[in-house]
Amino acid sequence: MPWMNKSSYVFTARSIQESAPARSGVYGLFSQHWIYIGEADDIRARLLQHLRGDDECIARYRPDGFVFETWPPSRRGERWDELVREFQPSCNRRPGGVPVSRPVFSEGESPRRDS
């Protein structure tokens, strides 16, 4: 299923501040192809971290745009799985091209990525 939010935005600090919500959801980074799809409790804060170069793979591909969808925490993991399967972004893959699976966490355990 394609992105529900049809709008895309320039991957700059100003655009992130003006467009990305400080809410739970999923987001995608792209240039000529899909670079990364992530999930976060605060989409805006997480995009700003990526913009500052917190992920080597994302920085290497230099995204120039982003999209997002807001989702409650209880539903965003399922949507993340769908989007990663559909778009197969470069930085959501292991060496050899194998797609990364969403990690499963025990109750009370926090994911290290994007939260």
Protein backbone atom coordinates (compact mmCIF):
# COMPACT_ATOMS: atom_id res chain seq x y z
CA MET A 1 0.00 0.00 0.00
CA PRO A 2 1.53 3.37 -0.95
CA TRP A 3 1.96 6.21 1.52
CA MET A 4 -1.39 7.48 2.80
CA ASN A 5 -0.03 11.01 3.07
CA LYS A 6 0.56 12.00 -0.55
CA SER A 7 2.58 15.11 0.39
CA SER A 8 6.36 15.05 0.44
CA TYR A 9 8.71 17.65 1.87
CA VAL A 10 12.25 18.88 1.39
CA PHE A 11 14.67 17.34 3.89
CA THR A 12 15.87 20.55 5.56
CA ALA A 13 15.67 21.78 9.15
CA ARG A 14 13.16 24.45 8.24
CA SER A 15 10.89 22.09 6.34
CA ILE A 16 11.04 19.50 9.13
CA GLN A 17 10.20 22.14 11.76
CA GLU A 18 7.29 23.49 9.70
CA SER A 19 5.87 20.23 8.33
CA ALA A 20 6.72 17.22 10.47
CA PRO A 21 4.55 16.63 13.53
CA ALA A 22 5.88 16.00 17.02
CA ARG A 23 3.68 12.91 17.07
CA SER A 24 3.98 9.15 16.81
CA GLY A 25 4.19 7.64 13.35
CA VAL A 26 6.25 6.36 10.47
CA TYR A 27 8.38 8.32 8.02
CA GLY A 28 10.40 7.74 4.87
CA LEU A 29 13.54 9.38 3.53
CA PHE A 30 14.29 9.42 -0.19
CA SER A 31 16.32 10.93 -3.00
CA GLN A 32 16.24 9.11 -6.35
CA HIS A 33 15.17 5.99 -4.43
CA TRP A 34 13.89 5.03 -0.97
CA ILE A 35 16.72 5.38 1.52
CA TYR A 36 15.13 4.64 4.89
CA ILE A 37 11.78 4.04 6.54
CA GLY A 38 11.59 4.56 10.27
CA GLU A 39 9.15 4.87 13.12
CA ALA A 40 9.26 7.22 16.07
CA ASP A 41 7.35 8.56 19.05
CA ASP A 42 8.19 12.06 17.76
CA ILE A 43 8.58 12.20 13.97
CA ARG A 44 9.95 15.76 13.96
CA ALA A 45 12.64 15.08 16.55
CA ARG A 46 13.75 11.89 14.83
CA LEU A 47 13.98 13.53 11.40
CA LEU A 48 16.11 16.30 12.89
CA GLN A 49 18.45 13.66 14.35
CA HIS A 50 18.81 12.08 10.92
CA LEU A 51 19.45 15.49 9.38
CA ARG A 52 22.34 15.97 11.83
CA GLY A 53 23.88 12.75 10.53
CA ASP A 54 23.10 10.27 13.31
CA ASP A 55 23.01 7.30 10.88
CA GLU A 56 25.96 6.55 8.60
CA CYS A 57 23.91 4.77 5.94
CA ILE A 58 21.34 7.55 5.70
CA ALA A 59 24.08 10.22 5.57
CA ARG A 60 25.88 8.34 2.77
CA TYR A 61 22.78 8.45 0.53
CA ARG A 62 22.02 12.12 1.33
CA PRO A 63 18.22 12.18 1.33
CA ASP A 64 16.59 15.28 -0.11
CA GLY A 65 12.97 14.54 0.80
CA PHE A 66 10.73 12.96 3.40
CA VAL A 67 7.17 11.77 3.89
CA PHE A 68 5.32 10.71 7.02
CA GLU A 69 2.12 9.27 8.42
CA THR A 70 0.94 9.68 11.99
CA TRP A 71 0.06 6.45 13.76
CA PRO A 72 -0.53 5.57 17.40
CA PRO A 73 2.36 3.58 18.90
CA SER A 74 0.23 0.44 19.01
CA ARG A 75 -0.28 0.49 15.20
CA ARG A 76 2.84 2.07 13.74
CA GLY A 77 4.96 -1.11 13.83
CA GLU A 78 2.53 -2.91 11.56
CA ARG A 79 2.56 0.03 9.13
CA TRP A 80 6.38 0.17 9.27
CA ASP A 81 6.51 -3.51 8.28
CA GLU A 82 4.19 -2.91 5.31
CA LEU A 83 6.18 0.06 4.04
CA VAL A 84 9.59 -1.62 4.38
CA ARG A 85 8.32 -4.71 2.52
CA GLU A 86 6.81 -2.59 -0.25
CA PHE A 87 9.58 -0.03 -0.80
CA GLN A 88 12.67 -2.00 0.33
CA PRO A 89 14.73 1.07 1.27
CA SER A 90 18.51 0.80 1.01
CA CYS A 91 19.25 1.49 4.69
CA ASN A 92 16.62 -0.96 5.94
CA ARG A 93 18.65 -3.86 4.55
CA ARG A 94 21.37 -6.07 5.90
CA PRO A 95 24.52 -6.77 3.86
CA GLY A 96 23.57 -8.95 0.92
CA GLY A 97 20.28 -7.14 0.39
CA VAL A 98 18.23 -9.04 2.98
CA PRO A 99 15.44 -6.79 4.35
CA VAL A 100 15.66 -5.91 8.02
CA SER A 101 12.88 -7.26 10.20
CA ARG A 102 11.26 -5.08 12.81
CA PRO A 103 12.68 -6.09 16.17
CA VAL A 104 10.27 -7.47 18.71
CA PHE A 105 10.66 -6.10 22.24
CA SER A 106 9.46 -7.40 25.57
CA GLU A 107 7.00 -5.28 27.51
CA GLY A 108 8.84 -2.38 29.13
CA GLU A 109 11.88 -2.79 26.87
CA SER A 110 12.63 0.18 24.60
CA PRO A 111 13.77 -0.10 21.03
CA ARG A 112 17.06 1.68 20.37
CA ARG A 113 16.09 2.70 16.85
CA ASP A 114 13.80 5.63 16.19
CA SER A 115 12.11 5.93 19.54
